[in-house]
């Protein structure tokens, strides 16, 4: 389980939601797990449970076509690959 700092409780929140133990379960983006799951290298103990995490894109408040192109690319990729809130 990777914890970035003492305020990072994301992994622990998922473990508590899925079980009453503090075992070695962890949290990873679906896209990083899919090939390993399909190959049978990992098992998802509760495949119908997930933890949504809001993502934010911040950049300098400078009018720039480069920033706009990057922003558009990030938003389009996120729309294709991430779960969308209902």
PDB file of N, CA and C in Angstrom:
ATOM      1  N   UNK A   1       0.865  -1.167   0.000  1.00  0.00           N
ATOM      2  CA  UNK A   1       0.000   0.000   0.000  1.00  0.00           C
ATOM      3  C   UNK A   1       0.909   1.226   0.000  1.00  0.00           C
ATOM      4  N   UNK A   2       0.668   2.147  -0.899  1.00  0.00           N
ATOM      5  CA  UNK A   2       1.468   3.365  -0.968  1.00  0.00           C
ATOM      6  C   UNK A   2       0.698   4.493  -0.280  1.00  0.00           C
ATOM      7  N   UNK A   3       1.367   5.167   0.635  1.00  0.00           N
ATOM      8  CA  UNK A   3       0.789   6.325   1.321  1.00  0.00           C
ATOM      9  C   UNK A   3       1.748   7.482   1.074  1.00  0.00           C
ATOM     10  N   UNK A   4       1.250   8.553   0.507  1.00  0.00           N
ATOM     11  CA  UNK A   4       2.122   9.660   0.136  1.00  0.00           C
ATOM     12  C   UNK A   4       2.537  10.523   1.317  1.00  0.00           C
ATOM     13  N   UNK A   5       1.646  10.716   2.254  1.00  0.00           N
ATOM     14  CA  UNK A   5       1.982  11.435   3.482  1.00  0.00           C
ATOM     15  C   UNK A   5       0.931  11.090   4.530  1.00  0.00           C
ATOM     16  N   UNK A   6       1.067  11.624   5.731  1.00  0.00           N
ATOM     17  CA  UNK A   6       0.145  11.216   6.804  1.00  0.00           C
ATOM     18  C   UNK A   6      -1.290  11.678   6.583  1.00  0.00           C
ATOM     19  N   UNK A   7      -1.513  12.616   5.691  1.00  0.00           N
ATOM     20  CA  UNK A   7      -2.882  13.046   5.371  1.00  0.00           C
ATOM     21  C   UNK A   7      -3.540  12.154   4.323  1.00  0.00           C
ATOM     22  N   UNK A   8      -2.756  11.299   3.676  1.00  0.00           N
ATOM     23  CA  UNK A   8      -3.261  10.445   2.608  1.00  0.00           C
ATOM     24  C   UNK A   8      -3.919   9.206   3.207  1.00  0.00           C
ATOM     25  N   UNK A   9      -5.236   9.239   3.319  1.00  0.00           N
ATOM     26  CA  UNK A   9      -5.963   8.100   3.889  1.00  0.00           C
ATOM     27  C   UNK A   9      -6.793   7.361   2.834  1.00  0.00           C
ATOM     28  N   UNK A  10      -6.521   7.609   1.557  1.00  0.00           N
ATOM     29  CA  UNK A  10      -7.314   7.030   0.483  1.00  0.00           C
ATOM     30  C   UNK A  10      -7.323   5.504   0.530  1.00  0.00           C
ATOM     31  N   UNK A  11      -6.145   4.885   0.644  1.00  0.00           N
ATOM     32  CA  UNK A  11      -6.070   3.427   0.682  1.00  0.00           C
ATOM     33  C   UNK A  11      -6.800   2.876   1.908  1.00  0.00           C
ATOM     34  N   UNK A  12      -6.552   3.464   3.053  1.00  0.00           N
ATOM     35  CA  UNK A  12      -7.182   2.984   4.291  1.00  0.00           C
ATOM     36  C   UNK A  12      -8.696   3.118   4.233  1.00  0.00           C
ATOM     37  N   UNK A  13      -9.201   4.174   3.599  1.00  0.00           N
ATOM     38  CA  UNK A  13     -10.657   4.336   3.470  1.00  0.00           C
ATOM     39  C   UNK A  13     -11.268   3.198   2.674  1.00  0.00           C
ATOM     40  N   UNK A  14     -10.607   2.788   1.577  1.00  0.00           N
ATOM     41  CA  UNK A  14     -11.137   1.694   0.773  1.00  0.00           C
ATOM     42  C   UNK A  14     -11.096   0.383   1.552  1.00  0.00           C
ATOM     43  N   UNK A  15      -9.996   0.109   2.231  1.00  0.00           N
ATOM     44  CA  UNK A  15      -9.896  -1.135   3.000  1.00  0.00           C
ATOM     45  C   UNK A  15     -10.989  -1.188   4.050  1.00  0.00           C
ATOM     46  N   UNK A  16     -11.218  -0.089   4.755  1.00  0.00           N
ATOM     47  CA  UNK A  16     -12.283  -0.052   5.778  1.00  0.00           C
ATOM     48  C   UNK A  16     -13.660  -0.239   5.144  1.00  0.00           C
ATOM     49  N   UNK A  17     -13.862   0.308   3.955  1.00  0.00           N
ATOM     50  CA  UNK A  17     -15.158   0.172   3.284  1.00  0.00           C
ATOM     51  C   UNK A  17     -15.417  -1.272   2.880  1.00  0.00           C
ATOM     52  N   UNK A  18     -14.382  -1.987   2.450  1.00  0.00           N
ATOM     53  CA  UNK A  18     -14.534  -3.337   1.931  1.00  0.00           C
ATOM     54  C   UNK A  18     -14.395  -4.425   2.987  1.00  0.00           C
ATOM     55  N   UNK A  19     -13.743  -4.138   4.081  1.00  0.00           N
ATOM     56  CA  UNK A  19     -13.551  -5.163   5.105  1.00  0.00           C
ATOM     57  C   UNK A  19     -13.366  -4.489   6.454  1.00  0.00           C
ATOM     58  N   UNK A  20     -13.375  -5.300   7.477  1.00  0.00           N
ATOM     59  CA  UNK A  20     -13.153  -4.762   8.818  1.00  0.00           C
ATOM     60  C   UNK A  20     -11.712  -4.965   9.255  1.00  0.00           C
ATOM     61  N   UNK A  21     -10.871  -5.373   8.332  1.00  0.00           N
ATOM     62  CA  UNK A  21      -9.470  -5.611   8.658  1.00  0.00           C
ATOM     63  C   UNK A  21      -8.604  -4.506   8.085  1.00  0.00           C
ATOM     64  N   UNK A  22      -7.369  -4.505   8.490  1.00  0.00           N
ATOM     65  CA  UNK A  22      -6.397  -3.557   7.947  1.00  0.00           C
ATOM     66  C   UNK A  22      -5.298  -4.346   7.233  1.00  0.00           C
ATOM     67  N   UNK A  23      -5.728  -5.267   6.378  1.00  0.00           N
ATOM     68  CA  UNK A  23      -4.774  -6.142   5.711  1.00  0.00           C
ATOM     69  C   UNK A  23      -4.128  -5.443   4.516  1.00  0.00           C
ATOM     70  N   UNK A  24      -3.477  -6.214   3.649  1.00  0.00           N
ATOM     71  CA  UNK A  24      -2.683  -5.635   2.571  1.00  0.00           C
ATOM     72  C   UNK A  24      -3.421  -5.285   1.325  1.00  0.00           C
ATOM     73  N   UNK A  25      -4.703  -5.153   1.365  1.00  0.00           N
ATOM     74  CA  UNK A  25      -5.412  -4.725   0.166  1.00  0.00           C
ATOM     75  C   UNK A  25      -4.996  -3.312  -0.190  1.00  0.00           C
ATOM     76  N   UNK A  26      -5.126  -3.003  -1.454  1.00  0.00           N
ATOM     77  CA  UNK A  26      -4.724  -1.678  -1.884  1.00  0.00           C
ATOM     78  C   UNK A  26      -5.635  -1.150  -2.967  1.00  0.00           C
ATOM     79  N   UNK A  27      -5.331   0.015  -3.414  1.00  0.00           N
ATOM     80  CA  UNK A  27      -6.143   0.735  -4.368  1.00  0.00           C
ATOM     81  C   UNK A  27      -5.262   1.114  -5.548  1.00  0.00           C
ATOM     82  N   UNK A  28      -5.751   0.895  -6.750  1.00  0.00           N
ATOM     83  CA  UNK A  28      -4.999   1.266  -7.946  1.00  0.00           C
ATOM     84  C   UNK A  28      -5.999   1.650  -9.028  1.00  0.00           C
ATOM     85  N   UNK A  29      -5.603   2.511  -9.949  1.00  0.00           N
ATOM     86  CA  UNK A  29      -6.491   2.887 -11.047  1.00  0.00           C
ATOM     87  C   UNK A  29      -6.882   1.665 -11.875  1.00  0.00           C
ATOM     88  N   UNK A  30      -8.128   1.607 -12.278  1.00  0.00           N
ATOM     89  CA  UNK A  30      -8.639   0.470 -13.056  1.00  0.00           C
ATOM     90  C   UNK A  30      -7.788   0.191 -14.294  1.00  0.00           C
ATOM     91  N   UNK A  31      -7.389   1.229 -14.978  1.00  0.00           N
ATOM     92  CA  UNK A  31      -6.619   1.052 -16.203  1.00  0.00           C
ATOM     93  C   UNK A  31      -5.291   0.341 -15.980  1.00  0.00           C
ATOM     94  N   UNK A  32      -4.709   0.501 -14.798  1.00  0.00           N
ATOM     95  CA  UNK A  32      -3.444  -0.166 -14.510  1.00  0.00           C
ATOM     96  C   UNK A  32      -3.634  -1.627 -14.131  1.00  0.00           C
ATOM     97  N   UNK A  33      -4.830  -1.999 -13.712  1.00  0.00           N
ATOM     98  CA  UNK A  33      -5.092  -3.356 -13.241  1.00  0.00           C
ATOM     99  C   UNK A  33      -5.683  -4.274 -14.296  1.00  0.00           C
ATOM    100  N   UNK A  34      -6.293  -3.729 -15.309  1.00  0.00           N
ATOM    101  CA  UNK A  34      -7.122  -4.522 -16.204  1.00  0.00           C
ATOM    102  C   UNK A  34      -6.381  -5.680 -16.875  1.00  0.00           C
ATOM    103  N   UNK A  35      -5.198  -5.449 -17.415  1.00  0.00           N
ATOM    104  CA  UNK A  35      -4.459  -6.538 -18.073  1.00  0.00           C
ATOM    105  C   UNK A  35      -4.099  -7.638 -17.078  1.00  0.00           C
ATOM    106  N   UNK A  36      -3.642  -7.258 -15.902  1.00  0.00           N
ATOM    107  CA  UNK A  36      -3.280  -8.258 -14.885  1.00  0.00           C
ATOM    108  C   UNK A  36      -4.511  -9.033 -14.429  1.00  0.00           C
ATOM    109  N   UNK A  37      -5.633  -8.356 -14.319  1.00  0.00           N
ATOM    110  CA  UNK A  37      -6.869  -9.039 -13.916  1.00  0.00           C
ATOM    111  C   UNK A  37      -7.301 -10.033 -14.984  1.00  0.00           C
ATOM    112  N   UNK A  38      -7.277  -9.620 -16.249  1.00  0.00           N
ATOM    113  CA  UNK A  38      -7.668 -10.508 -17.340  1.00  0.00           C
ATOM    114  C   UNK A  38      -6.738 -11.710 -17.459  1.00  0.00           C
ATOM    115  N   UNK A  39      -5.464 -11.519 -17.140  1.00  0.00           N
ATOM    116  CA  UNK A  39      -4.487 -12.607 -17.218  1.00  0.00           C
ATOM    117  C   UNK A  39      -4.528 -13.503 -15.982  1.00  0.00           C
ATOM    118  N   UNK A  40      -5.324 -13.135 -14.979  1.00  0.00           N
ATOM    119  CA  UNK A  40      -5.425 -13.929 -13.765  1.00  0.00           C
ATOM    120  C   UNK A  40      -4.276 -13.738 -12.792  1.00  0.00           C
ATOM    121  N   UNK A  41      -3.478 -12.680 -12.976  1.00  0.00           N
ATOM    122  CA  UNK A  41      -2.349 -12.427 -12.078  1.00  0.00           C
ATOM    123  C   UNK A  41      -2.772 -11.747 -10.790  1.00  0.00           C
ATOM    124  N   UNK A  42      -3.925 -11.099 -10.814  1.00  0.00           N
ATOM    125  CA  UNK A  42      -4.460 -10.501  -9.584  1.00  0.00           C
ATOM    126  C   UNK A  42      -5.936 -10.865  -9.472  1.00  0.00           C
ATOM    127  N   UNK A  43      -6.428 -10.796  -8.272  1.00  0.00           N
ATOM    128  CA  UNK A  43      -7.836 -11.070  -8.006  1.00  0.00           C
ATOM    129  C   UNK A  43      -8.419  -9.842  -7.332  1.00  0.00           C
ATOM    130  N   UNK A  44      -9.539  -9.396  -7.837  1.00  0.00           N
ATOM    131  CA  UNK A  44     -10.236  -8.289  -7.202  1.00  0.00           C
ATOM    132  C   UNK A  44     -11.211  -8.880  -6.196  1.00  0.00           C
ATOM    133  N   UNK A  45     -10.972  -8.696  -4.899  1.00  0.00           N
ATOM    134  CA  UNK A  45     -11.828  -9.334  -3.898  1.00  0.00           C
ATOM    135  C   UNK A  45     -13.269  -8.847  -3.958  1.00  0.00           C
ATOM    136  N   UNK A  46     -13.471  -7.619  -4.347  1.00  0.00           N
ATOM    137  CA  UNK A  46     -14.814  -7.061  -4.443  1.00  0.00           C
ATOM    138  C   UNK A  46     -14.891  -6.232  -5.720  1.00  0.00           C
ATOM    139  N   UNK A  47     -15.049  -6.888  -6.868  1.00  0.00           N
ATOM    140  CA  UNK A  47     -14.964  -6.178  -8.140  1.00  0.00           C
ATOM    141  C   UNK A  47     -16.067  -5.153  -8.374  1.00  0.00           C
ATOM    142  N   UNK A  48     -17.136  -5.230  -7.627  1.00  0.00           N
ATOM    143  CA  UNK A  48     -18.229  -4.264  -7.809  1.00  0.00           C
ATOM    144  C   UNK A  48     -18.143  -3.083  -6.852  1.00  0.00           C
ATOM    145  N   UNK A  49     -17.034  -2.971  -6.156  1.00  0.00           N
ATOM    146  CA  UNK A  49     -16.833  -1.832  -5.256  1.00  0.00           C
ATOM    147  C   UNK A  49     -15.657  -1.004  -5.741  1.00  0.00           C
ATOM    148  N   UNK A  50     -15.799   0.281  -5.641  1.00  0.00           N
ATOM    149  CA  UNK A  50     -14.719   1.186  -5.986  1.00  0.00           C
ATOM    150  C   UNK A  50     -14.870   2.444  -5.166  1.00  0.00           C
ATOM    151  N   UNK A  51     -13.859   3.259  -5.202  1.00  0.00           N
ATOM    152  CA  UNK A  51     -13.863   4.512  -4.467  1.00  0.00           C
ATOM    153  C   UNK A  51     -13.615   5.627  -5.470  1.00  0.00           C
ATOM    154  N   UNK A  52     -14.607   6.470  -5.674  1.00  0.00           N
ATOM    155  CA  UNK A  52     -14.450   7.597  -6.590  1.00  0.00           C
ATOM    156  C   UNK A  52     -13.586   8.665  -5.942  1.00  0.00           C
ATOM    157  N   UNK A  53     -12.689   9.217  -6.714  1.00  0.00           N
ATOM    158  CA  UNK A  53     -11.790  10.265  -6.235  1.00  0.00           C
ATOM    159  C   UNK A  53     -11.886  11.426  -7.211  1.00  0.00           C
ATOM    160  N   UNK A  54     -12.316  12.592  -6.749  1.00  0.00           N
ATOM    161  CA  UNK A  54     -12.383  13.744  -7.661  1.00  0.00           C
ATOM    162  C   UNK A  54     -10.975  14.115  -8.148  1.00  0.00           C
ATOM    163  N   UNK A  55     -10.852  14.377  -9.420  1.00  0.00           N
ATOM    164  CA  UNK A  55      -9.577  14.800  -9.992  1.00  0.00           C
ATOM    165  C   UNK A  55      -9.709  16.242 -10.462  1.00  0.00           C
ATOM    166  N   UNK A  56      -8.625  16.974 -10.339  1.00  0.00           N
ATOM    167  CA  UNK A  56      -8.629  18.386 -10.720  1.00  0.00           C
ATOM    168  C   UNK A  56      -7.434  18.668 -11.618  1.00  0.00           C
ATOM    169  N   UNK A  57      -7.614  19.528 -12.575  1.00  0.00           N
ATOM    170  CA  UNK A  57      -6.537  19.954 -13.461  1.00  0.00           C
ATOM    171  C   UNK A  57      -6.304  21.429 -13.180  1.00  0.00           C
ATOM    172  N   UNK A  58      -5.114  21.748 -12.707  1.00  0.00           N
ATOM    173  CA  UNK A  58      -4.754  23.134 -12.405  1.00  0.00           C
ATOM    174  C   UNK A  58      -3.626  23.562 -13.331  1.00  0.00           C
ATOM    175  N   UNK A  59      -3.696  24.780 -13.790  1.00  0.00           N
ATOM    176  CA  UNK A  59      -2.600  25.341 -14.569  1.00  0.00           C
ATOM    177  C   UNK A  59      -2.581  26.839 -14.370  1.00  0.00           C
ATOM    178  N   UNK A  60      -1.501  27.439 -14.778  1.00  0.00           N
ATOM    179  CA  UNK A  60      -1.355  28.881 -14.615  1.00  0.00           C
ATOM    180  C   UNK A  60      -2.479  29.610 -15.336  1.00  0.00           C
ATOM    181  N   UNK A  61      -2.918  30.698 -14.747  1.00  0.00           N
ATOM    182  CA  UNK A  61      -4.011  31.488 -15.326  1.00  0.00           C
ATOM    183  C   UNK A  61      -3.455  32.416 -16.404  1.00  0.00           C
ATOM    184  N   UNK A  62      -2.850  31.806 -17.385  1.00  0.00           N
ATOM    185  CA  UNK A  62      -2.265  32.545 -18.497  1.00  0.00           C
ATOM    186  C   UNK A  62      -3.025  32.156 -19.755  1.00  0.00           C
ATOM    187  N   UNK A  63      -3.439  33.126 -20.524  1.00  0.00           N
ATOM    188  CA  UNK A  63      -4.112  32.820 -21.786  1.00  0.00           C
ATOM    189  C   UNK A  63      -3.064  32.273 -22.748  1.00  0.00           C
ATOM    190  N   UNK A  64      -3.178  30.986 -23.037  1.00  0.00           N
ATOM    191  CA  UNK A  64      -2.177  30.341 -23.875  1.00  0.00           C
ATOM    192  C   UNK A  64      -2.849  29.231 -24.676  1.00  0.00           C
ATOM    193  N   UNK A  65      -2.600  29.218 -25.968  1.00  0.00           N
ATOM    194  CA  UNK A  65      -3.176  28.147 -26.785  1.00  0.00           C
ATOM    195  C   UNK A  65      -2.562  26.796 -26.401  1.00  0.00           C
ATOM    196  N   UNK A  66      -1.318  26.792 -25.956  1.00  0.00           N
ATOM    197  CA  UNK A  66      -0.675  25.546 -25.526  1.00  0.00           C
ATOM    198  C   UNK A  66      -1.396  24.967 -24.315  1.00  0.00           C
ATOM    199  N   UNK A  67      -1.657  25.793 -23.303  1.00  0.00           N
ATOM    200  CA  UNK A  67      -2.399  25.319 -22.129  1.00  0.00           C
ATOM    201  C   UNK A  67      -3.786  24.829 -22.527  1.00  0.00           C
ATOM    202  N   UNK A  68      -4.421  25.526 -23.450  1.00  0.00           N
ATOM    203  CA  UNK A  68      -5.755  25.120 -23.870  1.00  0.00           C
ATOM    204  C   UNK A  68      -5.725  23.766 -24.579  1.00  0.00           C
ATOM    205  N   UNK A  69      -4.728  23.533 -25.428  1.00  0.00           N
ATOM    206  CA  UNK A  69      -4.604  22.237 -26.109  1.00  0.00           C
ATOM    207  C   UNK A  69      -4.350  21.111 -25.103  1.00  0.00           C
ATOM    208  N   UNK A  70      -3.490  21.362 -24.131  1.00  0.00           N
ATOM    209  CA  UNK A  70      -3.207  20.356 -23.103  1.00  0.00           C
ATOM    210  C   UNK A  70      -4.466  20.079 -22.286  1.00  0.00           C
ATOM    211  N   UNK A  71      -5.170  21.127 -21.890  1.00  0.00           N
ATOM    212  CA  UNK A  71      -6.414  20.975 -21.129  1.00  0.00           C
ATOM    213  C   UNK A  71      -7.430  20.172 -21.917  1.00  0.00           C
ATOM    214  N   UNK A  72      -7.597  20.487 -23.187  1.00  0.00           N
ATOM    215  CA  UNK A  72      -8.554  19.752 -24.030  1.00  0.00           C
ATOM    216  C   UNK A  72      -8.181  18.276 -24.134  1.00  0.00           C
ATOM    217  N   UNK A  73      -6.880  17.992 -24.294  1.00  0.00           N
ATOM    218  CA  UNK A  73      -6.425  16.602 -24.404  1.00  0.00           C
ATOM    219  C   UNK A  73      -6.664  15.846 -23.101  1.00  0.00           C
ATOM    220  N   UNK A  74      -6.389  16.462 -21.972  1.00  0.00           N
ATOM    221  CA  UNK A  74      -6.603  15.810 -20.674  1.00  0.00           C
ATOM    222  C   UNK A  74      -8.082  15.535 -20.451  1.00  0.00           C
ATOM    223  N   UNK A  75      -8.919  16.505 -20.742  1.00  0.00           N
ATOM    224  CA  UNK A  75     -10.359  16.309 -20.548  1.00  0.00           C
ATOM    225  C   UNK A  75     -10.912  15.223 -21.472  1.00  0.00           C
ATOM    226  N   UNK A  76     -10.481  15.198 -22.723  1.00  0.00           N
ATOM    227  CA  UNK A  76     -10.964  14.184 -23.663  1.00  0.00           C
ATOM    228  C   UNK A  76     -10.512  12.787 -23.235  1.00  0.00           C
ATOM    229  N   UNK A  77      -9.274  12.659 -22.803  1.00  0.00           N
ATOM    230  CA  UNK A  77      -8.760  11.361 -22.355  1.00  0.00           C
ATOM    231  C   UNK A  77      -9.475  10.907 -21.096  1.00  0.00           C
ATOM    232  N   UNK A  78      -9.681  11.812 -20.159  1.00  0.00           N
ATOM    233  CA  UNK A  78     -10.400  11.470 -18.926  1.00  0.00           C
ATOM    234  C   UNK A  78     -11.819  11.022 -19.236  1.00  0.00           C
ATOM    235  N   UNK A  79     -12.473  11.683 -20.167  1.00  0.00           N
ATOM    236  CA  UNK A  79     -13.848  11.308 -20.522  1.00  0.00           C
ATOM    237  C   UNK A  79     -13.908   9.907 -21.124  1.00  0.00           C
ATOM    238  N   UNK A  80     -12.862   9.504 -21.836  1.00  0.00           N
ATOM    239  CA  UNK A  80     -12.832   8.161 -22.436  1.00  0.00           C
ATOM    240  C   UNK A  80     -12.468   7.070 -21.436  1.00  0.00           C
ATOM    241  N   UNK A  81     -11.641   7.378 -20.447  1.00  0.00           N
ATOM    242  CA  UNK A  81     -11.059   6.327 -19.620  1.00  0.00           C
ATOM    243  C   UNK A  81     -11.503   6.289 -18.165  1.00  0.00           C
ATOM    244  N   UNK A  82     -12.116   7.333 -17.668  1.00  0.00           N
ATOM    245  CA  UNK A  82     -12.498   7.364 -16.255  1.00  0.00           C
ATOM    246  C   UNK A  82     -14.007   7.219 -16.123  1.00  0.00           C
ATOM    247  N   UNK A  83     -14.409   6.675 -14.987  1.00  0.00           N
ATOM    248  CA  UNK A  83     -15.848   6.606 -14.689  1.00  0.00           C
ATOM    249  C   UNK A  83     -16.389   8.031 -14.589  1.00  0.00           C
ATOM    250  N   UNK A  84     -17.590   8.217 -15.089  1.00  0.00           N
ATOM    251  CA  UNK A  84     -18.215   9.531 -15.030  1.00  0.00           C
ATOM    252  C   UNK A  84     -19.293   9.518 -13.971  1.00  0.00           C
ATOM    253  N   UNK A  85     -19.349  10.549 -13.173  1.00  0.00           N
ATOM    254  CA  UNK A  85     -20.408  10.650 -12.163  1.00  0.00           C
ATOM    255  C   UNK A  85     -21.753  10.806 -12.845  1.00  0.00           C
ATOM    256  N   UNK A  86     -22.747  10.207 -12.248  1.00  0.00           N
ATOM    257  CA  UNK A  86     -24.103  10.282 -12.807  1.00  0.00           C
ATOM    258  C   UNK A  86     -24.756  11.597 -12.508  1.00  0.00           C
TER     259      UNK A  86
END
